[in-house]
PDB file of N, CA and C in Angstrom:
ATOM      1  N   UNK A   1     -17.510 -41.236 -29.693  1.00  0.00           N
ATOM      2  CA  UNK A   1     -18.173 -42.456 -29.278  1.00  0.00           C
ATOM      3  C   UNK A   1     -19.597 -42.507 -29.824  1.00  0.00           C
ATOM      4  N   UNK A   2     -20.279 -41.358 -29.769  1.00  0.00           N
ATOM      5  CA  UNK A   2     -21.656 -41.334 -30.256  1.00  0.00           C
ATOM      6  C   UNK A   2     -21.706 -41.577 -31.765  1.00  0.00           C
ATOM      7  N   UNK A   3     -20.740 -41.024 -32.473  1.00  0.00           N
ATOM      8  CA  UNK A   3     -20.713 -41.195 -33.922  1.00  0.00           C
ATOM      9  C   UNK A   3     -20.482 -42.659 -34.290  1.00  0.00           C
ATOM     10  N   UNK A   4     -19.597 -43.328 -33.574  1.00  0.00           N
ATOM     11  CA  UNK A   4     -19.335 -44.746 -33.828  1.00  0.00           C
ATOM     12  C   UNK A   4     -20.582 -45.570 -33.542  1.00  0.00           C
ATOM     13  N   UNK A   5     -21.277 -45.236 -32.454  1.00  0.00           N
ATOM     14  CA  UNK A   5     -22.506 -45.955 -32.099  1.00  0.00           C
ATOM     15  C   UNK A   5     -23.559 -45.786 -33.186  1.00  0.00           C
ATOM     16  N   UNK A   6     -23.693 -44.583 -33.700  1.00  0.00           N
ATOM     17  CA  UNK A   6     -24.685 -44.331 -34.757  1.00  0.00           C
ATOM     18  C   UNK A   6     -24.321 -45.064 -36.049  1.00  0.00           C
ATOM     19  N   UNK A   7     -23.036 -45.144 -36.363  1.00  0.00           N
ATOM     20  CA  UNK A   7     -22.606 -45.872 -37.560  1.00  0.00           C
ATOM     21  C   UNK A   7     -22.909 -47.356 -37.413  1.00  0.00           C
ATOM     22  N   UNK A   8     -22.603 -47.929 -36.249  1.00  0.00           N
ATOM     23  CA  UNK A   8     -22.863 -49.349 -36.009  1.00  0.00           C
ATOM     24  C   UNK A   8     -24.350 -49.647 -36.103  1.00  0.00           C
ATOM     25  N   UNK A   9     -25.171 -48.815 -35.483  1.00  0.00           N
ATOM     26  CA  UNK A   9     -26.617 -49.033 -35.517  1.00  0.00           C
ATOM     27  C   UNK A   9     -27.152 -48.853 -36.936  1.00  0.00           C
ATOM     28  N   UNK A  10     -26.594 -47.916 -37.684  1.00  0.00           N
ATOM     29  CA  UNK A  10     -27.001 -47.746 -39.076  1.00  0.00           C
ATOM     30  C   UNK A  10     -26.705 -48.976 -39.912  1.00  0.00           C
ATOM     31  N   UNK A  11     -25.524 -49.543 -39.726  1.00  0.00           N
ATOM     32  CA  UNK A  11     -25.151 -50.757 -40.457  1.00  0.00           C
ATOM     33  C   UNK A  11     -26.071 -51.907 -40.078  1.00  0.00           C
ATOM     34  N   UNK A  12     -26.350 -52.054 -38.793  1.00  0.00           N
ATOM     35  CA  UNK A  12     -27.221 -53.135 -38.335  1.00  0.00           C
ATOM     36  C   UNK A  12     -28.638 -52.948 -38.862  1.00  0.00           C
ATOM     37  N   UNK A  13     -29.109 -51.715 -38.897  1.00  0.00           N
ATOM     38  CA  UNK A  13     -30.448 -51.453 -39.431  1.00  0.00           C
ATOM     39  C   UNK A  13     -30.528 -51.805 -40.910  1.00  0.00           C
ATOM     40  N   UNK A  14     -29.489 -51.468 -41.663  1.00  0.00           N
ATOM     41  CA  UNK A  14     -29.467 -51.796 -43.091  1.00  0.00           C
ATOM     42  C   UNK A  14     -29.433 -53.307 -43.288  1.00  0.00           C
ATOM     43  N   UNK A  15     -28.623 -54.016 -42.515  1.00  0.00           N
ATOM     44  CA  UNK A  15     -28.558 -55.477 -42.611  1.00  0.00           C
ATOM     45  C   UNK A  15     -29.919 -56.088 -42.295  1.00  0.00           C
ATOM     46  N   UNK A  16     -30.568 -55.594 -41.252  1.00  0.00           N
ATOM     47  CA  UNK A  16     -31.886 -56.108 -40.875  1.00  0.00           C
ATOM     48  C   UNK A  16     -32.901 -55.859 -41.991  1.00  0.00           C
ATOM     49  N   UNK A  17     -32.908 -54.651 -42.554  1.00  0.00           N
ATOM     50  CA  UNK A  17     -33.844 -54.346 -43.638  1.00  0.00           C
ATOM     51  C   UNK A  17     -33.584 -55.212 -44.867  1.00  0.00           C
ATOM     52  N   UNK A  18     -32.316 -55.447 -45.190  1.00  0.00           N
ATOM     53  CA  UNK A  18     -31.995 -56.303 -46.333  1.00  0.00           C
ATOM     54  C   UNK A  18     -32.503 -57.719 -46.090  1.00  0.00           C
ATOM     55  N   UNK A  19     -32.285 -58.244 -44.892  1.00  0.00           N
ATOM     56  CA  UNK A  19     -32.754 -59.594 -44.581  1.00  0.00           C
ATOM     57  C   UNK A  19     -34.271 -59.686 -44.659  1.00  0.00           C
ATOM     58  N   UNK A  20     -34.959 -58.657 -44.187  1.00  0.00           N
ATOM     59  CA  UNK A  20     -36.425 -58.675 -44.213  1.00  0.00           C
ATOM     60  C   UNK A  20     -36.937 -58.520 -45.641  1.00  0.00           C
ATOM     61  N   UNK A  21     -36.374 -57.586 -46.397  1.00  0.00           N
ATOM     62  CA  UNK A  21     -36.855 -57.347 -47.759  1.00  0.00           C
ATOM     63  C   UNK A  21     -36.575 -58.521 -48.692  1.00  0.00           C
ATOM     64  N   UNK A  22     -35.486 -59.231 -48.471  1.00  0.00           N
ATOM     65  CA  UNK A  22     -35.183 -60.407 -49.284  1.00  0.00           C
ATOM     66  C   UNK A  22     -35.916 -61.651 -48.787  1.00  0.00           C
ATOM     67  N   UNK A  23     -36.679 -61.494 -47.725  1.00  0.00           N
ATOM     68  CA  UNK A  23     -37.479 -62.576 -47.129  1.00  0.00           C
ATOM     69  C   UNK A  23     -36.618 -63.781 -46.766  1.00  0.00           C
ATOM     70  N   UNK A  24     -35.462 -63.490 -46.199  1.00  0.00           N
ATOM     71  CA  UNK A  24     -34.564 -64.540 -45.731  1.00  0.00           C
ATOM     72  C   UNK A  24     -35.014 -64.965 -44.342  1.00  0.00           C
ATOM     73  N   UNK A  25     -35.020 -66.258 -44.110  1.00  0.00           N
ATOM     74  CA  UNK A  25     -35.409 -66.767 -42.798  1.00  0.00           C
ATOM     75  C   UNK A  25     -34.317 -66.405 -41.792  1.00  0.00           C
ATOM     76  N   UNK A  26     -34.648 -65.504 -40.881  1.00  0.00           N
ATOM     77  CA  UNK A  26     -33.681 -65.007 -39.904  1.00  0.00           C
ATOM     78  C   UNK A  26     -33.753 -65.891 -38.657  1.00  0.00           C
ATOM     79  N   UNK A  27     -32.628 -66.477 -38.236  1.00  0.00           N
ATOM     80  CA  UNK A  27     -32.645 -67.253 -36.991  1.00  0.00           C
ATOM     81  C   UNK A  27     -33.028 -66.370 -35.805  1.00  0.00           C
ATOM     82  N   UNK A  28     -33.679 -66.976 -34.846  1.00  0.00           N
ATOM     83  CA  UNK A  28     -34.188 -66.226 -33.697  1.00  0.00           C
ATOM     84  C   UNK A  28     -33.070 -65.542 -32.922  1.00  0.00           C
ATOM     85  N   UNK A  29     -31.932 -66.212 -32.748  1.00  0.00           N
ATOM     86  CA  UNK A  29     -30.852 -65.590 -31.975  1.00  0.00           C
ATOM     87  C   UNK A  29     -30.249 -64.392 -32.710  1.00  0.00           C
ATOM     88  N   UNK A  30     -30.156 -64.454 -34.038  1.00  0.00           N
ATOM     89  CA  UNK A  30     -29.664 -63.311 -34.808  1.00  0.00           C
ATOM     90  C   UNK A  30     -30.653 -62.151 -34.751  1.00  0.00           C
ATOM     91  N   UNK A  31     -31.932 -62.453 -34.870  1.00  0.00           N
ATOM     92  CA  UNK A  31     -32.957 -61.417 -34.779  1.00  0.00           C
ATOM     93  C   UNK A  31     -32.938 -60.759 -33.409  1.00  0.00           C
ATOM     94  N   UNK A  32     -32.768 -61.554 -32.366  1.00  0.00           N
ATOM     95  CA  UNK A  32     -32.712 -61.015 -31.010  1.00  0.00           C
ATOM     96  C   UNK A  32     -31.527 -60.077 -30.844  1.00  0.00           C
ATOM     97  N   UNK A  33     -30.378 -60.464 -31.357  1.00  0.00           N
ATOM     98  CA  UNK A  33     -29.182 -59.623 -31.240  1.00  0.00           C
ATOM     99  C   UNK A  33     -29.356 -58.314 -32.000  1.00  0.00           C
ATOM    100  N   UNK A  34     -29.862 -58.388 -33.233  1.00  0.00           N
ATOM    101  CA  UNK A  34     -30.044 -57.176 -34.034  1.00  0.00           C
ATOM    102  C   UNK A  34     -31.025 -56.213 -33.377  1.00  0.00           C
ATOM    103  N   UNK A  35     -32.156 -56.731 -32.942  1.00  0.00           N
ATOM    104  CA  UNK A  35     -33.155 -55.864 -32.317  1.00  0.00           C
ATOM    105  C   UNK A  35     -32.677 -55.340 -30.967  1.00  0.00           C
ATOM    106  N   UNK A  36     -31.897 -56.134 -30.233  1.00  0.00           N
ATOM    107  CA  UNK A  36     -31.357 -55.678 -28.953  1.00  0.00           C
ATOM    108  C   UNK A  36     -30.436 -54.481 -29.155  1.00  0.00           C
ATOM    109  N   UNK A  37     -29.592 -54.540 -30.172  1.00  0.00           N
ATOM    110  CA  UNK A  37     -28.672 -53.427 -30.430  1.00  0.00           C
ATOM    111  C   UNK A  37     -29.445 -52.167 -30.792  1.00  0.00           C
ATOM    112  N   UNK A  38     -30.473 -52.299 -31.616  1.00  0.00           N
ATOM    113  CA  UNK A  38     -31.270 -51.134 -32.005  1.00  0.00           C
ATOM    114  C   UNK A  38     -32.002 -50.559 -30.795  1.00  0.00           C
ATOM    115  N   UNK A  39     -32.581 -51.422 -29.960  1.00  0.00           N
ATOM    116  CA  UNK A  39     -33.316 -50.940 -28.786  1.00  0.00           C
ATOM    117  C   UNK A  39     -32.395 -50.310 -27.749  1.00  0.00           C
ATOM    118  N   UNK A  40     -31.202 -50.850 -27.579  1.00  0.00           N
ATOM    119  CA  UNK A  40     -30.243 -50.240 -26.651  1.00  0.00           C
ATOM    120  C   UNK A  40     -29.841 -48.863 -27.155  1.00  0.00           C
ATOM    121  N   UNK A  41     -29.671 -48.723 -28.455  1.00  0.00           N
ATOM    122  CA  UNK A  41     -29.353 -47.418 -29.025  1.00  0.00           C
ATOM    123  C   UNK A  41     -30.472 -46.418 -28.739  1.00  0.00           C
ATOM    124  N   UNK A  42     -31.710 -46.839 -28.899  1.00  0.00           N
ATOM    125  CA  UNK A  42     -32.831 -45.946 -28.616  1.00  0.00           C
ATOM    126  C   UNK A  42     -32.885 -45.584 -27.140  1.00  0.00           C
ATOM    127  N   UNK A  43     -32.584 -46.544 -26.273  1.00  0.00           N
ATOM    128  CA  UNK A  43     -32.583 -46.259 -24.840  1.00  0.00           C
ATOM    129  C   UNK A  43     -31.484 -45.255 -24.484  1.00  0.00           C
ATOM    130  N   UNK A  44     -30.323 -45.393 -25.092  1.00  0.00           N
ATOM    131  CA  UNK A  44     -29.234 -44.440 -24.843  1.00  0.00           C
ATOM    132  C   UNK A  44     -29.627 -43.051 -25.318  1.00  0.00           C
ATOM    133  N   UNK A  45     -30.246 -42.969 -26.501  1.00  0.00           N
ATOM    134  CA  UNK A  45     -30.695 -41.666 -27.004  1.00  0.00           C
ATOM    135  C   UNK A  45     -31.731 -41.041 -26.076  1.00  0.00           C
ATOM    136  N   UNK A  46     -32.667 -41.838 -25.576  1.00  0.00           N
ATOM    137  CA  UNK A  46     -33.680 -41.316 -24.655  1.00  0.00           C
ATOM    138  C   UNK A  46     -33.039 -40.826 -23.357  1.00  0.00           C
ATOM    139  N   UNK A  47     -32.059 -41.552 -22.860  1.00  0.00           N
ATOM    140  CA  UNK A  47     -31.397 -41.141 -21.629  1.00  0.00           C
ATOM    141  C   UNK A  47     -30.654 -39.823 -21.828  1.00  0.00           C
ATOM    142  N   UNK A  48     -30.002 -39.673 -22.979  1.00  0.00           N
ATOM    143  CA  UNK A  48     -29.308 -38.414 -23.276  1.00  0.00           C
ATOM    144  C   UNK A  48     -30.307 -37.270 -23.368  1.00  0.00           C
ATOM    145  N   UNK A  49     -31.447 -37.508 -24.022  1.00  0.00           N
ATOM    146  CA  UNK A  49     -32.490 -36.475 -24.094  1.00  0.00           C
ATOM    147  C   UNK A  49     -33.025 -36.139 -22.708  1.00  0.00           C
ATOM    148  N   UNK A  50     -33.182 -37.153 -21.869  1.00  0.00           N
ATOM    149  CA  UNK A  50     -33.697 -36.940 -20.516  1.00  0.00           C
ATOM    150  C   UNK A  50     -32.741 -36.071 -19.708  1.00  0.00           C
ATOM    151  N   UNK A  51     -31.445 -36.325 -19.827  1.00  0.00           N
ATOM    152  CA  UNK A  51     -30.461 -35.551 -19.076  1.00  0.00           C
ATOM    153  C   UNK A  51     -30.362 -34.114 -19.569  1.00  0.00           C
ATOM    154  N   UNK A  52     -30.616 -33.884 -20.858  1.00  0.00           N
ATOM    155  CA  UNK A  52     -30.424 -32.559 -21.435  1.00  0.00           C
ATOM    156  C   UNK A  52     -31.653 -31.661 -21.379  1.00  0.00           C
ATOM    157  N   UNK A  53     -32.793 -32.175 -20.986  1.00  0.00           N
ATOM    158  CA  UNK A  53     -34.008 -31.366 -21.013  1.00  0.00           C
ATOM    159  C   UNK A  53     -34.437 -30.969 -19.604  1.00  0.00           C
ATOM    160  N   UNK A  54     -35.106 -29.841 -19.526  1.00  0.00           N
ATOM    161  CA  UNK A  54     -35.661 -29.404 -18.246  1.00  0.00           C
ATOM    162  C   UNK A  54     -37.078 -29.922 -18.059  1.00  0.00           C
ATOM    163  N   UNK A  55     -37.766 -30.169 -19.159  1.00  0.00           N
ATOM    164  CA  UNK A  55     -39.133 -30.682 -19.096  1.00  0.00           C
ATOM    165  C   UNK A  55     -39.075 -32.204 -19.127  1.00  0.00           C
ATOM    166  N   UNK A  56     -39.581 -32.821 -18.111  1.00  0.00           N
ATOM    167  CA  UNK A  56     -39.515 -34.278 -18.003  1.00  0.00           C
ATOM    168  C   UNK A  56     -40.793 -34.942 -18.505  1.00  0.00           C
ATOM    169  N   UNK A  57     -41.602 -34.210 -19.284  1.00  0.00           N
ATOM    170  CA  UNK A  57     -42.878 -34.730 -19.756  1.00  0.00           C
ATOM    171  C   UNK A  57     -42.678 -35.874 -20.744  1.00  0.00           C
ATOM    172  N   UNK A  58     -41.584 -35.852 -21.486  1.00  0.00           N
ATOM    173  CA  UNK A  58     -41.399 -36.877 -22.509  1.00  0.00           C
ATOM    174  C   UNK A  58     -41.193 -38.262 -21.905  1.00  0.00           C
ATOM    175  N   UNK A  59     -41.090 -38.368 -20.588  1.00  0.00           N
ATOM    176  CA  UNK A  59     -41.051 -39.690 -19.952  1.00  0.00           C
ATOM    177  C   UNK A  59     -42.386 -40.401 -20.065  1.00  0.00           C
ATOM    178  N   UNK A  60     -43.439 -39.655 -20.362  1.00  0.00           N
ATOM    179  CA  UNK A  60     -44.756 -40.251 -20.525  1.00  0.00           C
ATOM    180  C   UNK A  60     -44.761 -41.258 -21.671  1.00  0.00           C
ATOM    181  N   UNK A  61     -43.998 -40.989 -22.718  1.00  0.00           N
ATOM    182  CA  UNK A  61     -43.979 -41.876 -23.881  1.00  0.00           C
ATOM    183  C   UNK A  61     -43.385 -43.245 -23.531  1.00  0.00           C
ATOM    184  N   UNK A  62     -42.195 -43.343 -22.910  1.00  0.00           N
ATOM    185  CA  UNK A  62     -41.689 -44.678 -22.561  1.00  0.00           C
ATOM    186  C   UNK A  62     -42.559 -45.401 -21.533  1.00  0.00           C
ATOM    187  N   UNK A  63     -43.107 -44.653 -20.583  1.00  0.00           N
ATOM    188  CA  UNK A  63     -43.951 -45.285 -19.569  1.00  0.00           C
ATOM    189  C   UNK A  63     -45.211 -45.839 -20.213  1.00  0.00           C
ATOM    190  N   UNK A  64     -45.838 -45.068 -21.093  1.00  0.00           N
ATOM    191  CA  UNK A  64     -47.034 -45.564 -21.774  1.00  0.00           C
ATOM    192  C   UNK A  64     -46.675 -46.708 -22.719  1.00  0.00           C
ATOM    193  N   UNK A  65     -45.464 -46.679 -23.277  1.00  0.00           N
ATOM    194  CA  UNK A  65     -45.016 -47.779 -24.123  1.00  0.00           C
ATOM    195  C   UNK A  65     -44.882 -49.077 -23.344  1.00  0.00           C
ATOM    196  N   UNK A  66     -44.359 -48.989 -22.131  1.00  0.00           N
ATOM    197  CA  UNK A  66     -44.238 -50.180 -21.280  1.00  0.00           C
ATOM    198  C   UNK A  66     -45.619 -50.721 -20.932  1.00  0.00           C
ATOM    199  N   UNK A  67     -46.540 -49.827 -20.618  1.00  0.00           N
ATOM    200  CA  UNK A  67     -47.905 -50.261 -20.309  1.00  0.00           C
ATOM    201  C   UNK A  67     -48.525 -50.941 -21.524  1.00  0.00           C
ATOM    202  N   UNK A  68     -48.304 -50.397 -22.711  1.00  0.00           N
ATOM    203  CA  UNK A  68     -48.837 -50.995 -23.931  1.00  0.00           C
ATOM    204  C   UNK A  68     -48.229 -52.372 -24.180  1.00  0.00           C
ATOM    205  N   UNK A  69     -46.934 -52.523 -23.969  1.00  0.00           N
ATOM    206  CA  UNK A  69     -46.277 -53.821 -24.159  1.00  0.00           C
ATOM    207  C   UNK A  69     -46.830 -54.848 -23.179  1.00  0.00           C
ATOM    208  N   UNK A  70     -47.022 -54.452 -21.928  1.00  0.00           N
ATOM    209  CA  UNK A  70     -47.591 -55.370 -20.936  1.00  0.00           C
ATOM    210  C   UNK A  70     -48.990 -55.796 -21.357  1.00  0.00           C
ATOM    211  N   UNK A  71     -49.782 -54.859 -21.852  1.00  0.00           N
ATOM    212  CA  UNK A  71     -51.136 -55.182 -22.302  1.00  0.00           C
ATOM    213  C   UNK A  71     -51.103 -56.159 -23.481  1.00  0.00           C
ATOM    214  N   UNK A  72     -50.238 -55.909 -24.451  1.00  0.00           N
ATOM    215  CA  UNK A  72     -50.163 -56.776 -25.628  1.00  0.00           C
ATOM    216  C   UNK A  72     -49.709 -58.176 -25.244  1.00  0.00           C
ATOM    217  N   UNK A  73     -48.696 -58.274 -24.394  1.00  0.00           N
ATOM    218  CA  UNK A  73     -48.201 -59.589 -23.974  1.00  0.00           C
ATOM    219  C   UNK A  73     -49.269 -60.344 -23.197  1.00  0.00           C
ATOM    220  N   UNK A  74     -49.944 -59.663 -22.290  1.00  0.00           N
ATOM    221  CA  UNK A  74     -50.998 -60.336 -21.530  1.00  0.00           C
ATOM    222  C   UNK A  74     -52.142 -60.755 -22.442  1.00  0.00           C
ATOM    223  N   UNK A  75     -52.437 -59.948 -23.453  1.00  0.00           N
ATOM    224  CA  UNK A  75     -53.476 -60.301 -24.410  1.00  0.00           C
ATOM    225  C   UNK A  75     -53.070 -61.530 -25.219  1.00  0.00           C
ATOM    226  N   UNK A  76     -51.806 -61.588 -25.645  1.00  0.00           N
ATOM    227  CA  UNK A  76     -51.324 -62.751 -26.387  1.00  0.00           C
ATOM    228  C   UNK A  76     -51.352 -64.015 -25.534  1.00  0.00           C
ATOM    229  N   UNK A  77     -50.999 -63.890 -24.266  1.00  0.00           N
ATOM    230  CA  UNK A  77     -51.057 -65.045 -23.365  1.00  0.00           C
ATOM    231  C   UNK A  77     -52.494 -65.507 -23.199  1.00  0.00           C
ATOM    232  N   UNK A  78     -53.407 -64.565 -23.050  1.00  0.00           N
ATOM    233  CA  UNK A  78     -54.824 -64.905 -22.896  1.00  0.00           C
ATOM    234  C   UNK A  78     -55.341 -65.633 -24.139  1.00  0.00           C
ATOM    235  N   UNK A  79     -54.971 -65.152 -25.317  1.00  0.00           N
ATOM    236  CA  UNK A  79     -55.417 -65.790 -26.555  1.00  0.00           C
ATOM    237  C   UNK A  79     -54.786 -67.169 -26.692  1.00  0.00           C
ATOM    238  N   UNK A  80     -53.512 -67.298 -26.338  1.00  0.00           N
ATOM    239  CA  UNK A  80     -52.828 -68.588 -26.454  1.00  0.00           C
ATOM    240  C   UNK A  80     -53.421 -69.615 -25.497  1.00  0.00           C
ATOM    241  N   UNK A  81     -53.789 -69.192 -24.304  1.00  0.00           N
ATOM    242  CA  UNK A  81     -54.377 -70.123 -23.344  1.00  0.00           C
ATOM    243  C   UNK A  81     -55.818 -70.453 -23.698  1.00  0.00           C
ATOM    244  N   UNK A  82     -56.464 -69.569 -24.427  1.00  0.00           N
ATOM    245  CA  UNK A  82     -57.851 -69.797 -24.810  1.00  0.00           C
ATOM    246  C   UNK A  82     -57.999 -70.836 -25.902  1.00  0.00           C
ATOM    247  N   UNK A  83     -56.946 -71.056 -26.691  1.00  0.00           N
ATOM    248  CA  UNK A  83     -57.037 -72.016 -27.805  1.00  0.00           C
ATOM    249  C   UNK A  83     -56.723 -73.410 -27.390  1.00  0.00           C
TER     250      UNK A  83
END
């Protein structure tokens, strides 16, 4: 199952890179689907790493990532409302 998941994500990553490098206008719904699949794959990998490790320190990275995303989104909203 893991091998199939990695193959699918690899194919999707290659398709995404080809679309970006060829500067093709990617519809928003297609971009959302492609990025969702890649992010779900990363979340599954993180969960597997979390279950297999005794040191839970690496949870700091996703937590700090969420804080960074919240900061960036709030900053973008502030800039958008300021204009």
